[in-house]
Amino acid sequence: MSALDPALDAWKRRRDAFRWETPDPFNFGSDVVERFARDPARPALLWRGADGAERRLAYADVARAANRFAHLLRSLGVRPGDPVVVMLPKVPEWQIALVGALEAGCLVIPSSTILRPKDIEYRVNHSGSVALVTTVEQAAAVDEVRGKTPTLAHRLLLGGAREGWTALEPALAAQPDDAGARHPTRASDPALVYYTSGTTGPPKAVLHAHAYTWAQRYTAELWLGLRGDDRLWTTSDTGWAKAAYSVIFGPWSVGAEVFMYGGRFEPRRELELLEEAAPQVFCAPPTEYRLLVKEDKLAALRVPQLRECVSAGEPLNPEVIRAWHEHTGLTIRDGYGQTESILLIGNFPGNAVRPGSMGLPMPGHELAVIDEGGRELPAGEVGDVALRGAPPSLFREYWKDAAATARTRRGDWYVTGDRAFVDADGYFWFVGRADDVIISAGYRIGPFEVESALVEHPDVLEAAAVAAPDADRGSVVKAFVVLRPGVRGDDALARRLQDHVKTVTAPYKYPRQIEFVSELPKTVSGKIRRVELRDRART
C-alpha cells in the first residue's frame, strides 16, 4: 500500500485499530430508536407519496407507534420467536412494523410487495409464519393461498377492510404506546430472515441475529458517510436487505433522518426529488444511475446540499461514474455487500475512487481472494472473494438448510460466491458471480466488463452478457441489449456495438451474438437474472 497516499494510509490505520464491541443484550427498538426518541423533536422520517402527500415522523413518533405494534402482536397471542412476515411498500408503517416486531422478540421476515401467491406460500410455509401484515393491494395474493398456509393465523391489513383480516389502523389505535410489550433479546438471538432474490435457483432463507442490526451502523458511518444531522434518500425496495442498512438500521443507528418516496421509479422525477427533498446522502442501485445519467435534466440539476452518492447491488460501470461526476461534481462510490452481510467492500469517503473497483474491505472484515484450496492468491490473480471467520455482521446460517450453509465454508473462510482479483494496493475488482463467468475457447470472460463496454455506447440503456453454446469454442459471449427509446435494433447496429466493445476492452471479449430486447429480467432487488438469460441463450 502506497505510503504516498494519506487516505489509503488512514484507511489502513483504521482497519488495523478496529475491534468489535457488540453490546449484549441488544434490541434495535429499545436501544437505538428509544435513545434518539428522548429528543421529542429529532426527525426520523420524511415520507412523500406519489400524489404529493407528505408525512413527517420524529423518533419519538416511531417509538410510540412501534410500541403499539408490539402490543398488538402480544394481544393476538404472537410470542417471542414467532415468525412474522412484513410485506409492506415504501410507507412509514414498514419501519414501524419492523421495529415493533423486533421489540416483541419476533423473527421478522421483510418481503417484497411484488411477490406472487406461490412466493408467499413458500415463505410462509418454509418459515412457519404465524402473522403477516400487508396492504389492500397485496391481500388478494395472500388470500389465494389461504388454504395452503395453515400456520398463518393472523392477517393484518393496512389501508382498508377485508373479510378475515384485522384492520391495522384501528387495531393499533386501541393499543397502549408504552414499552410493556417489549421482550429482551440477546445480540445472538434470531432477528431477521431475508429470502434471497433467487438469481440461480429457489430462494434461501438468510438468518440474521440482532447483532446484525447493530453492526449496520458501520455501513452508515464508514461507507454512506452519514452524520447525525443528515437526511438520507435510498431508493431501495423494502423487500430486500439493502433497505436494512439504508432505510432503517444504518441511518437510524446514527440518528439521521430518512427520506422515503412511495412512487414508482421515473428517472426525471427522481432527479426532481433530489432537488426537492434535498438529502445530503443519496443511494441508488446501478440500474437507476444508468438511466439517470441519460436524462437531459441531469445537466441542469441543482443539489448544493448533496455530499455523498453511493451505489450497491451489482457493480457500477465506470462510464456511469464519469458521466455523473461530469454533471454533478460528485463521484458515485460503489460498494459491495450481500444479503448475508453488511457492506463488506466499499469505496469509502476520502479515498480516491478507482472507477470499476469494488473498493477496499470494511474495517472489521478480513477479506481476500482465495483459490479452491482456501489459499490466498497474489495480486492480479482471479479467485473467490472470501471473508475469514464469522463477525457479528455476517449471517448465522441458511435457515433450515445445513448443507447450503456448509457449502459456503472453505476452512475458516466464508466464500461469497463472487469472483474478483485484488490489485497491489488492496482494491478489489469484480469479475462476476462464480457461475456467471464465461469460458470461451479457453478464455475466462467476466460478464461485467462486456456489459460496461456496451452501456458506454450512446444507443444502449442496459445490457447483460451470458454464455451461449458454440460448437467450436464451447461457449461464446451473447449480449442481451436494451436500446434507448427511438433507436432501432438491426444487424448494422449489432455490428457497430461489437466493434465498439472491441475498442474498449480485449477484442476476444466482444459479444459474438447480440439480441435486442425491450427489458431485462430482474429479481425483486433489481439484479439481472442471468440464470434466465442463460436458459434463453441455450435455445
Protein backbone atom coordinates (compact mmCIF):
# COMPACT_ATOMS: atom_id res chain seq x y z
CA MET A 1 0.00 0.00 0.00
CA SER A 2 1.47 3.32 -1.07
CA ALA A 3 2.86 5.46 1.76
CA LEU A 4 2.41 8.47 -0.53
CA ASP A 5 -1.39 8.26 -0.32
CA PRO A 6 -2.55 9.69 3.04
CA ALA A 7 -6.12 8.46 2.54
CA LEU A 8 -5.02 4.88 1.98
CA ASP A 9 -2.73 5.05 4.98
CA ALA A 10 -5.57 6.43 7.13
CA TRP A 11 -7.84 3.60 5.99
CA LYS A 12 -5.15 1.05 6.88
CA ARG A 13 -4.75 2.51 10.37
CA ARG A 14 -8.49 2.45 10.95
CA ARG A 15 -8.71 -1.12 9.69
CA ASP A 16 -5.91 -2.26 11.98
CA ALA A 17 -7.36 -0.47 15.02
CA PHE A 18 -10.93 -1.76 14.59
CA ARG A 19 -12.35 -4.03 17.30
CA TRP A 20 -15.87 -5.47 17.50
CA GLU A 21 -17.65 -4.37 20.68
CA THR A 22 -21.14 -5.77 20.18
CA PRO A 23 -23.48 -4.87 23.06
CA ASP A 24 -25.34 -7.73 24.69
CA PRO A 25 -28.26 -7.74 25.29
CA PHE A 26 -29.33 -5.66 22.31
CA ASN A 27 -32.59 -4.71 20.60
CA PHE A 28 -32.76 -2.09 17.88
CA GLY A 29 -36.05 -0.64 19.08
CA SER A 30 -35.25 -0.23 22.75
CA ASP A 31 -31.53 0.51 22.39
CA VAL A 32 -31.48 2.73 19.29
CA VAL A 33 -34.88 4.21 18.42
CA GLU A 34 -35.81 4.79 22.06
CA ARG A 35 -32.47 6.52 22.72
CA PHE A 36 -32.99 9.10 19.97
CA ALA A 37 -36.66 9.45 20.94
CA ARG A 38 -35.55 11.20 24.12
CA ASP A 39 -35.32 14.30 21.96
CA PRO A 40 -39.02 14.69 21.05
CA ALA A 41 -38.27 16.86 18.00
CA ARG A 42 -35.50 14.79 16.41
CA PRO A 43 -36.65 13.92 12.84
CA ALA A 44 -36.56 10.27 11.80
CA LEU A 45 -38.58 10.03 8.61
CA LEU A 46 -39.85 12.29 5.83
CA TRP A 47 -42.27 10.41 3.58
CA ARG A 48 -43.59 11.64 0.24
CA GLY A 49 -46.31 9.86 -1.72
CA ALA A 50 -46.61 9.76 -5.49
CA ASP A 51 -49.61 12.10 -5.16
CA GLY A 52 -47.59 14.66 -3.19
CA ALA A 53 -48.94 13.68 0.24
CA GLU A 54 -46.37 14.05 2.98
CA ARG A 55 -45.82 12.65 6.47
CA ARG A 56 -43.10 13.58 8.98
CA LEU A 57 -42.23 11.34 11.93
CA ALA A 58 -39.85 12.09 14.76
CA TYR A 59 -38.02 9.28 16.54
CA ALA A 60 -40.50 9.75 19.38
CA ASP A 61 -43.38 9.10 16.97
CA VAL A 62 -41.71 5.93 15.68
CA ALA A 63 -41.03 4.71 19.21
CA ARG A 64 -44.66 5.12 20.27
CA ALA A 65 -46.04 3.52 17.09
CA ALA A 66 -43.61 0.59 17.33
CA ASN A 67 -44.67 0.02 20.94
CA ARG A 68 -48.29 -0.15 19.77
CA PHE A 69 -47.36 -2.71 17.13
CA ALA A 70 -45.56 -4.84 19.71
CA HIS A 71 -48.63 -4.66 21.98
CA LEU A 72 -50.86 -5.65 19.05
CA LEU A 73 -48.77 -8.75 18.35
CA ARG A 74 -48.83 -9.67 22.02
CA SER A 75 -52.63 -9.22 22.16
CA LEU A 76 -53.03 -11.61 19.22
CA GLY A 77 -51.03 -14.28 21.02
CA VAL A 78 -47.91 -13.90 18.88
CA ARG A 79 -45.00 -15.00 21.04
CA PRO A 80 -41.29 -14.13 21.12
CA GLY A 81 -39.53 -16.16 18.44
CA ASP A 82 -42.63 -16.47 16.24
CA PRO A 83 -42.01 -15.60 12.55
CA VAL A 84 -43.90 -12.54 11.26
CA VAL A 85 -43.98 -11.51 7.58
CA VAL A 86 -43.85 -7.76 6.89
CA MET A 87 -44.93 -7.25 3.27
CA LEU A 88 -45.37 -3.51 3.02
CA PRO A 89 -44.35 -0.96 0.38
CA LYS A 90 -42.43 2.25 0.99
CA VAL A 91 -44.67 3.68 3.72
CA PRO A 92 -43.82 4.60 7.35
CA GLU A 93 -45.70 1.55 8.62
CA TRP A 94 -42.90 -0.59 7.17
CA GLN A 95 -40.34 0.76 9.63
CA ILE A 96 -42.90 0.80 12.42
CA ALA A 97 -43.80 -2.86 11.91
CA LEU A 98 -40.16 -3.96 11.71
CA VAL A 99 -39.12 -2.11 14.86
CA GLY A 100 -42.25 -3.19 16.74
CA ALA A 101 -41.90 -6.86 15.80
CA LEU A 102 -38.23 -6.83 16.79
CA GLU A 103 -39.18 -5.27 20.13
CA ALA A 104 -41.68 -8.08 20.66
CA GLY A 105 -38.87 -10.59 20.11
CA CYS A 106 -40.35 -11.94 16.88
CA LEU A 107 -38.43 -13.29 13.91
CA VAL A 108 -39.13 -10.68 11.25
CA ILE A 109 -39.36 -11.56 7.55
CA PRO A 110 -39.28 -8.45 5.31
CA SER A 111 -40.82 -9.34 1.94
CA SER A 112 -41.36 -7.53 -1.33
CA THR A 113 -44.84 -6.39 -2.30
CA ILE A 114 -44.45 -7.82 -5.82
CA LEU A 115 -44.39 -11.42 -4.63
CA ARG A 116 -46.80 -13.78 -6.35
CA PRO A 117 -49.08 -16.18 -4.44
CA LYS A 118 -46.66 -19.09 -4.88
CA ASP A 119 -43.83 -16.93 -3.45
CA ILE A 120 -45.94 -16.01 -0.43
CA GLU A 121 -46.91 -19.63 0.07
CA TYR A 122 -43.26 -20.70 0.00
CA ARG A 123 -42.09 -18.08 2.51
CA VAL A 124 -44.96 -18.59 4.94
CA ASN A 125 -44.69 -22.37 4.93
CA HIS A 126 -40.91 -22.50 4.99
CA SER A 127 -40.77 -20.12 7.95
CA GLY A 128 -43.94 -21.27 9.72
CA SER A 129 -45.07 -17.64 9.94
CA VAL A 130 -47.99 -17.00 12.30
CA ALA A 131 -48.74 -13.42 11.24
CA LEU A 132 -48.47 -11.27 8.14
CA VAL A 133 -49.02 -7.56 7.58
CA THR A 134 -49.62 -6.10 4.12
CA THR A 135 -51.77 -3.64 2.15
CA VAL A 136 -55.13 -3.91 0.43
CA GLU A 137 -53.37 -4.26 -2.91
CA GLN A 138 -51.49 -7.42 -1.84
CA ALA A 139 -54.25 -9.01 0.27
CA ALA A 140 -55.78 -10.96 -2.63
CA ALA A 141 -52.48 -12.72 -3.31
CA VAL A 142 -52.31 -13.77 0.35
CA ASP A 143 -55.92 -14.97 0.33
CA GLU A 144 -55.30 -17.01 -2.82
CA VAL A 145 -53.09 -19.38 -0.79
CA ARG A 146 -55.06 -19.15 2.45
CA GLY A 147 -55.88 -22.87 2.40
CA LYS A 148 -52.23 -23.76 1.75
CA THR A 149 -50.70 -21.74 4.63
CA PRO A 150 -52.05 -23.37 7.80
CA THR A 151 -49.67 -21.63 10.26
CA LEU A 152 -50.75 -18.15 9.19
CA ALA A 153 -53.25 -17.36 11.94
CA HIS A 154 -53.22 -13.55 11.78
CA ARG A 155 -53.54 -11.28 8.74
CA LEU A 156 -53.12 -7.55 9.38
CA LEU A 157 -54.33 -5.14 6.70
CA LEU A 158 -53.09 -1.61 6.15
CA GLY A 159 -55.38 0.85 4.41
CA GLY A 160 -58.79 -0.80 4.38
CA ALA A 161 -61.05 -3.63 5.47
CA ARG A 162 -61.36 -7.19 4.19
CA GLU A 163 -63.12 -10.30 5.46
CA GLY A 164 -60.83 -12.46 7.55
CA TRP A 165 -58.33 -9.65 8.13
CA THR A 166 -57.61 -7.34 11.07
CA ALA A 167 -57.66 -3.68 10.04
CA LEU A 168 -54.28 -2.37 11.16
CA GLU A 169 -55.02 1.28 11.88
CA PRO A 170 -57.89 0.85 14.38
CA ALA A 171 -56.15 -2.15 15.93
CA LEU A 172 -53.04 -0.07 16.60
CA ALA A 173 -55.05 2.85 17.91
CA ALA A 174 -56.59 0.58 20.54
CA GLN A 175 -53.16 -0.40 21.94
CA PRO A 176 -51.08 1.42 24.57
CA ASP A 177 -47.89 3.14 23.43
CA ASP A 178 -45.73 2.20 26.40
CA ALA A 179 -42.86 -0.29 26.44
CA GLY A 180 -44.82 -3.03 28.22
CA ALA A 181 -44.79 -5.45 25.27
CA ARG A 182 -41.04 -5.38 24.71
CA HIS A 183 -39.14 -8.65 25.03
CA PRO A 184 -35.45 -8.55 25.98
CA THR A 185 -33.22 -10.01 23.26
CA ARG A 186 -29.61 -11.15 23.19
CA ALA A 187 -27.34 -10.00 20.38
CA SER A 188 -27.09 -13.62 19.26
CA ASP A 189 -30.87 -14.23 19.16
CA PRO A 190 -32.51 -14.69 15.73
CA ALA A 191 -33.94 -11.39 14.47
CA LEU A 192 -34.43 -11.33 10.69
CA VAL A 193 -34.84 -13.68 7.75
CA TYR A 194 -34.30 -12.44 4.21
CA TYR A 195 -35.22 -14.70 1.34
CA THR A 196 -32.58 -14.28 -1.35
CA SER A 197 -33.54 -12.94 -4.74
CA GLY A 198 -33.02 -16.29 -6.42
CA THR A 199 -30.66 -15.40 -9.28
CA THR A 200 -29.55 -19.03 -9.56
CA GLY A 201 -32.38 -21.08 -8.02
CA PRO A 202 -35.03 -21.14 -5.30
CA PRO A 203 -34.62 -18.53 -2.58
CA LYS A 204 -32.58 -19.35 0.51
CA ALA A 205 -33.60 -18.11 3.94
CA VAL A 206 -30.77 -15.93 5.24
CA LEU A 207 -30.96 -15.83 9.05
CA HIS A 208 -29.52 -12.83 10.91
CA ALA A 209 -29.17 -12.19 14.62
CA HIS A 210 -29.89 -8.92 16.45
CA ALA A 211 -26.14 -8.21 16.31
CA TYR A 212 -26.56 -7.65 12.56
CA THR A 213 -28.98 -4.76 13.16
CA TRP A 214 -26.38 -3.21 15.45
CA ALA A 215 -23.48 -3.78 13.01
CA GLN A 216 -25.24 -1.82 10.26
CA ARG A 217 -24.09 1.39 11.99
CA TYR A 218 -20.71 0.82 10.38
CA THR A 219 -22.24 0.74 6.92
CA ALA A 220 -23.83 4.11 7.71
CA GLU A 221 -20.80 5.72 9.31
CA LEU A 222 -17.93 4.34 7.27
CA TRP A 223 -19.45 3.87 3.80
CA LEU A 224 -22.52 6.07 3.49
CA GLY A 225 -20.64 8.80 5.36
CA LEU A 226 -23.80 9.66 7.33
CA ARG A 227 -23.85 12.21 10.12
CA GLY A 228 -26.48 12.63 12.78
CA ASP A 229 -27.95 15.79 11.23
CA ASP A 230 -28.08 14.37 7.67
CA ARG A 231 -31.01 13.32 5.54
CA LEU A 232 -30.54 10.12 3.51
CA TRP A 233 -32.51 9.06 0.47
CA THR A 234 -32.24 5.46 -0.59
CA THR A 235 -34.45 4.35 -3.47
CA SER A 236 -34.34 0.71 -2.37
CA ASP A 237 -37.37 -1.60 -2.36
CA THR A 238 -38.43 -2.55 1.17
CA GLY A 239 -38.34 -6.27 0.44
CA TRP A 240 -34.59 -6.80 0.33
CA ALA A 241 -31.57 -6.44 2.55
CA LYS A 242 -30.29 -3.18 1.09
CA ALA A 243 -33.19 -1.45 2.82
CA ALA A 244 -31.89 -2.75 6.15
CA TYR A 245 -28.74 -0.68 6.07
CA SER A 246 -30.03 2.31 4.14
CA VAL A 247 -33.68 2.82 5.13
CA ILE A 248 -33.70 1.81 8.78
CA PHE A 249 -30.86 0.13 10.70
CA GLY A 250 -27.93 2.09 9.27
CA PRO A 251 -29.22 5.68 9.24
CA TRP A 252 -31.25 5.39 12.44
CA SER A 253 -28.20 3.97 14.25
CA VAL A 254 -26.53 7.36 13.85
CA GLY A 255 -29.69 9.42 14.43
CA ALA A 256 -30.06 10.57 10.81
CA GLU A 257 -33.33 11.29 9.01
CA VAL A 258 -34.58 9.06 6.18
CA PHE A 259 -36.42 10.34 3.12
CA MET A 260 -38.78 7.78 1.59
CA TYR A 261 -40.64 8.18 -1.70
CA GLY A 262 -43.66 5.97 -2.22
CA GLY A 263 -43.92 6.36 -6.00
CA ARG A 264 -42.51 4.33 -8.86
CA PHE A 265 -39.10 4.99 -10.34
CA GLU A 266 -39.12 7.55 -13.13
CA PRO A 267 -35.69 8.99 -13.99
CA ARG A 268 -36.81 12.60 -14.43
CA ARG A 269 -38.98 12.53 -11.31
CA GLU A 270 -36.10 11.08 -9.30
CA LEU A 271 -33.86 13.97 -10.30
CA GLU A 272 -36.63 16.43 -9.36
CA LEU A 273 -36.95 14.78 -5.94
CA LEU A 274 -33.21 15.09 -5.37
CA GLU A 275 -33.73 18.84 -5.58
CA GLU A 276 -36.98 18.91 -3.59
CA ALA A 277 -36.08 16.55 -0.74
CA ALA A 278 -32.52 17.91 -0.52
CA PRO A 279 -30.77 14.88 1.01
CA GLN A 280 -27.12 15.09 1.96
CA VAL A 281 -26.60 11.42 1.03
CA PHE A 282 -28.13 9.59 -1.94
CA CYS A 283 -28.06 5.83 -2.52
CA ALA A 284 -29.46 4.18 -5.65
CA PRO A 285 -28.89 0.91 -7.49
CA PRO A 286 -26.73 0.84 -10.64
CA THR A 287 -29.78 0.36 -12.88
CA GLU A 288 -31.17 3.72 -11.77
CA TYR A 289 -27.88 5.57 -12.12
CA ARG A 290 -27.50 4.18 -15.66
CA LEU A 291 -30.84 5.71 -16.58
CA LEU A 292 -30.32 8.95 -14.64
CA VAL A 293 -27.11 9.83 -16.50
CA LYS A 294 -29.01 9.64 -19.81
CA GLU A 295 -31.61 12.19 -18.70
CA ASP A 296 -31.32 15.67 -20.21
CA LYS A 297 -32.36 17.19 -16.86
CA LEU A 298 -29.14 15.98 -15.25
CA ALA A 299 -27.23 18.86 -16.86
CA ALA A 300 -29.43 21.37 -15.01
CA LEU A 301 -29.57 19.53 -11.67
CA ARG A 302 -29.11 21.82 -8.65
CA VAL A 303 -28.28 19.91 -5.47
CA PRO A 304 -25.86 22.08 -3.45
CA GLN A 305 -26.55 20.17 -0.22
CA LEU A 306 -25.77 16.75 -1.73
CA ARG A 307 -22.46 15.48 -0.32
CA GLU A 308 -22.29 11.71 -0.91
CA CYS A 309 -23.58 9.46 -3.71
CA VAL A 310 -23.29 5.70 -3.36
CA SER A 311 -24.43 2.59 -5.19
CA ALA A 312 -24.62 -1.11 -4.42
CA GLY A 313 -26.36 -4.27 -5.55
CA GLU A 314 -24.14 -5.00 -8.54
CA PRO A 315 -21.06 -3.28 -9.98
CA LEU A 316 -21.47 0.19 -11.42
CA ASN A 317 -19.98 0.87 -14.83
CA PRO A 318 -17.04 3.32 -14.89
CA GLU A 319 -18.67 5.32 -17.70
CA VAL A 320 -21.70 5.99 -15.49
CA ILE A 321 -19.45 7.18 -12.65
CA ARG A 322 -17.67 9.54 -15.06
CA ALA A 323 -20.91 10.92 -16.51
CA TRP A 324 -22.44 11.55 -13.05
CA HIS A 325 -19.31 13.38 -11.91
CA GLU A 326 -19.25 15.47 -15.07
CA HIS A 327 -22.73 16.84 -14.38
CA THR A 328 -22.85 16.97 -10.57
CA GLY A 329 -19.23 17.25 -9.48
CA LEU A 330 -19.82 14.23 -7.21
CA THR A 331 -18.28 10.79 -7.53
CA ILE A 332 -20.51 7.76 -7.04
CA ARG A 333 -18.84 5.48 -4.53
CA ASP A 334 -19.50 1.84 -5.29
CA GLY A 335 -19.96 -0.73 -2.55
CA TYR A 336 -20.25 -4.49 -2.27
CA GLY A 337 -22.32 -6.42 0.22
CA GLN A 338 -24.69 -9.34 0.27
CA THR A 339 -27.99 -10.35 1.78
CA GLU A 340 -25.76 -12.44 4.04
CA SER A 341 -23.78 -9.50 5.42
CA ILE A 342 -23.47 -5.79 5.94
CA LEU A 343 -21.31 -3.94 3.41
CA LEU A 344 -18.08 -5.90 3.01
CA ILE A 345 -16.11 -3.85 0.48
CA GLY A 346 -16.53 -0.22 -0.46
CA ASN A 347 -15.10 2.98 -1.83
CA PHE A 348 -15.05 4.99 1.38
CA PRO A 349 -15.31 8.79 1.82
CA GLY A 350 -11.93 10.43 1.41
CA ASN A 351 -10.41 7.57 -0.58
CA ALA A 352 -9.80 8.03 -4.28
CA VAL A 353 -12.35 6.07 -6.31
CA ARG A 354 -10.87 3.78 -8.89
CA PRO A 355 -13.76 3.55 -11.38
CA GLY A 356 -14.90 -0.03 -11.76
CA SER A 357 -13.34 -1.17 -8.49
CA MET A 358 -15.38 -2.64 -5.64
CA GLY A 359 -13.11 -0.74 -3.26
CA LEU A 360 -11.40 -1.72 -0.01
CA PRO A 361 -12.53 -4.10 2.76
CA MET A 362 -14.76 -2.72 5.50
CA PRO A 363 -12.89 -2.43 8.82
CA GLY A 364 -13.62 -5.46 10.99
CA HIS A 365 -13.59 -7.78 7.98
CA GLU A 366 -10.61 -9.79 6.78
CA LEU A 367 -11.28 -10.33 3.09
CA ALA A 368 -9.17 -11.99 0.46
CA VAL A 369 -9.30 -13.66 -2.93
CA ILE A 370 -8.68 -17.37 -2.44
CA ASP A 371 -8.29 -20.49 -4.55
CA GLU A 372 -10.11 -23.82 -4.34
CA GLY A 373 -7.85 -24.92 -1.51
CA GLY A 374 -8.55 -21.87 0.64
CA ARG A 375 -5.17 -20.26 -0.06
CA GLU A 376 -4.90 -16.50 -0.54
CA LEU A 377 -3.97 -15.54 -4.10
CA PRO A 378 -1.44 -12.85 -5.01
CA ALA A 379 -2.40 -9.51 -6.55
CA GLY A 380 -3.81 -9.79 -10.04
CA GLU A 381 -4.98 -13.41 -9.87
CA VAL A 382 -8.70 -14.12 -10.16
CA GLY A 383 -10.29 -16.24 -7.45
CA ASP A 384 -13.16 -16.41 -4.98
CA VAL A 385 -13.98 -13.46 -2.70
CA ALA A 386 -13.94 -14.77 0.87
CA LEU A 387 -14.33 -13.48 4.43
CA ARG A 388 -12.40 -15.03 7.28
CA GLY A 389 -14.27 -16.12 10.39
CA ALA A 390 -17.77 -15.16 11.48
CA PRO A 391 -18.04 -11.49 12.55
CA PRO A 392 -21.36 -10.26 14.00
CA SER A 393 -22.11 -8.60 10.66
CA LEU A 394 -22.39 -12.00 8.93
CA PHE A 395 -25.50 -14.16 8.77
CA ARG A 396 -25.85 -17.10 11.14
CA GLU A 397 -26.89 -19.67 8.57
CA TYR A 398 -29.16 -20.54 5.69
CA TRP A 399 -32.13 -21.32 7.87
CA LYS A 400 -33.21 -24.97 7.74
CA ASP A 401 -30.57 -25.78 5.12
CA ALA A 402 -27.40 -27.05 6.78
CA ALA A 403 -25.99 -28.37 3.50
CA ALA A 404 -26.26 -24.99 1.78
CA THR A 405 -24.65 -23.33 4.81
CA ALA A 406 -21.78 -25.82 4.75
CA ARG A 407 -21.14 -25.12 1.05
CA THR A 408 -20.31 -21.50 1.89
CA ARG A 409 -17.38 -22.55 4.05
CA ARG A 410 -13.86 -23.35 2.87
CA GLY A 411 -11.89 -23.93 6.03
CA ASP A 412 -12.12 -20.75 8.09
CA TRP A 413 -13.36 -18.77 5.09
CA TYR A 414 -16.92 -17.78 4.19
CA VAL A 415 -16.99 -17.88 0.38
CA THR A 416 -19.28 -15.24 -1.10
CA GLY A 417 -19.80 -16.89 -4.50
CA ASP A 418 -18.30 -13.92 -6.35
CA ARG A 419 -15.08 -13.85 -8.37
CA ALA A 420 -12.60 -10.98 -8.26
CA PHE A 421 -8.94 -10.04 -8.07
CA VAL A 422 -7.05 -7.67 -5.79
CA ASP A 423 -4.58 -5.06 -7.01
CA ALA A 424 -1.29 -4.12 -5.39
CA ASP A 425 -2.96 -1.51 -3.14
CA GLY A 426 -5.63 -3.89 -1.83
CA TYR A 427 -8.52 -2.72 -4.05
CA PHE A 428 -10.91 -5.47 -5.12
CA TRP A 429 -12.05 -5.75 -8.76
CA PHE A 430 -15.24 -7.67 -9.57
CA VAL A 431 -15.17 -10.30 -12.32
CA GLY A 432 -18.57 -11.94 -11.88
CA ARG A 433 -20.56 -14.49 -9.97
CA ALA A 434 -18.75 -17.81 -9.90
CA ASP A 435 -21.45 -19.33 -12.08
CA ASP A 436 -21.62 -16.29 -14.41
CA VAL A 437 -18.04 -16.43 -15.71
CA ILE A 438 -17.99 -17.25 -19.44
CA ILE A 439 -15.34 -19.68 -20.69
CA SER A 440 -14.83 -19.29 -24.45
CA ALA A 441 -12.03 -21.05 -26.35
CA GLY A 442 -10.12 -21.33 -23.07
CA TYR A 443 -10.53 -17.66 -22.16
CA ARG A 444 -12.31 -16.75 -18.91
CA ILE A 445 -14.52 -13.70 -19.53
CA GLY A 446 -16.32 -11.80 -16.79
CA PRO A 447 -19.72 -10.53 -17.96
CA PHE A 448 -19.35 -7.21 -16.17
CA GLU A 449 -16.57 -5.93 -18.42
CA VAL A 450 -18.58 -6.75 -21.54
CA GLU A 451 -21.70 -5.09 -20.12
CA SER A 452 -19.74 -1.99 -19.11
CA ALA A 453 -18.39 -1.62 -22.61
CA LEU A 454 -21.84 -1.94 -24.13
CA VAL A 455 -23.53 0.64 -21.88
CA GLU A 456 -20.85 3.17 -22.80
CA HIS A 457 -22.38 3.24 -26.29
CA PRO A 458 -24.86 6.14 -26.59
CA ASP A 459 -27.59 3.91 -28.09
CA VAL A 460 -27.60 1.44 -25.17
CA LEU A 461 -29.63 1.72 -21.98
CA GLU A 462 -28.87 -1.65 -20.40
CA ALA A 463 -27.04 -4.84 -21.28
CA ALA A 464 -26.40 -8.30 -19.88
CA ALA A 465 -23.85 -10.84 -21.08
CA VAL A 466 -24.06 -14.62 -20.70
CA ALA A 467 -22.57 -17.75 -22.24
CA ALA A 468 -24.20 -19.25 -25.34
CA PRO A 469 -23.26 -22.72 -26.63
CA ASP A 470 -20.88 -22.86 -29.58
CA ALA A 471 -19.65 -25.97 -31.40
CA ASP A 472 -16.14 -24.60 -31.96
CA ARG A 473 -15.43 -22.50 -28.87
CA GLY A 474 -17.54 -24.36 -26.32
CA SER A 475 -19.25 -21.08 -25.48
CA VAL A 476 -19.37 -17.57 -26.86
CA VAL A 477 -20.47 -14.30 -25.33
CA LYS A 478 -24.09 -13.43 -26.02
CA ALA A 479 -25.39 -9.99 -25.09
CA PHE A 480 -29.00 -9.04 -24.44
CA VAL A 481 -29.28 -5.31 -25.13
CA VAL A 482 -31.98 -2.74 -24.24
CA LEU A 483 -31.77 0.29 -26.52
CA ARG A 484 -32.66 3.90 -25.84
CA PRO A 485 -36.14 4.98 -26.94
CA GLY A 486 -36.32 5.65 -30.66
CA VAL A 487 -33.27 3.54 -31.54
CA ARG A 488 -33.94 0.61 -33.87
CA GLY A 489 -32.03 -2.61 -33.32
CA ASP A 490 -30.79 -4.29 -36.50
CA ASP A 491 -27.80 -6.19 -37.84
CA ALA A 492 -25.95 -2.99 -38.66
CA LEU A 493 -26.27 -1.70 -35.09
CA ALA A 494 -25.23 -5.10 -33.72
CA ARG A 495 -22.02 -4.91 -35.76
CA ARG A 496 -21.35 -1.36 -34.55
CA LEU A 497 -21.80 -2.49 -30.95
CA GLN A 498 -19.43 -5.41 -31.50
CA ASP A 499 -16.81 -3.06 -32.94
CA HIS A 500 -17.34 -0.68 -30.05
CA VAL A 501 -16.69 -3.40 -27.47
CA LYS A 502 -13.51 -4.42 -29.30
CA THR A 503 -12.21 -0.86 -28.94
CA VAL A 504 -12.79 -0.52 -25.18
CA THR A 505 -11.86 -3.99 -23.93
CA ALA A 506 -9.87 -7.01 -25.07
CA PRO A 507 -11.13 -7.97 -28.56
CA TYR A 508 -11.73 -11.62 -27.61
CA LYS A 509 -14.38 -10.47 -25.12
CA TYR A 510 -16.74 -8.94 -27.66
CA PRO A 511 -20.26 -10.45 -27.90
CA ARG A 512 -20.42 -12.69 -30.94
CA GLN A 513 -24.19 -12.80 -30.53
CA ILE A 514 -26.43 -9.80 -29.77
CA GLU A 515 -30.16 -9.93 -29.14
CA PHE A 516 -32.16 -6.73 -28.77
CA VAL A 517 -34.83 -6.92 -26.05
CA SER A 518 -37.35 -4.48 -24.57
CA GLU A 519 -36.28 -5.24 -20.98
CA LEU A 520 -34.03 -7.48 -18.94
CA PRO A 521 -35.43 -9.99 -16.45
CA LYS A 522 -34.63 -8.90 -12.91
CA THR A 523 -35.06 -10.02 -9.35
CA VAL A 524 -37.18 -8.06 -6.86
CA SER A 525 -33.97 -6.31 -5.78
CA GLY A 526 -33.19 -5.15 -9.31
CA LYS A 527 -30.40 -7.58 -10.12
CA ILE A 528 -30.29 -9.09 -13.58
CA ARG A 529 -31.49 -12.70 -13.64
CA ARG A 530 -28.66 -14.12 -15.71
CA VAL A 531 -29.86 -17.64 -14.97
CA GLU A 532 -32.95 -16.87 -17.05
CA LEU A 533 -30.89 -15.31 -19.82
CA ARG A 534 -28.56 -18.32 -19.89
CA ASP A 535 -31.56 -20.56 -20.40
CA ARG A 536 -32.73 -18.36 -23.29
CA ALA A 537 -29.24 -18.41 -24.81
CA ARG A 538 -29.28 -22.21 -24.92
CA THR A 539 -32.48 -22.38 -27.00
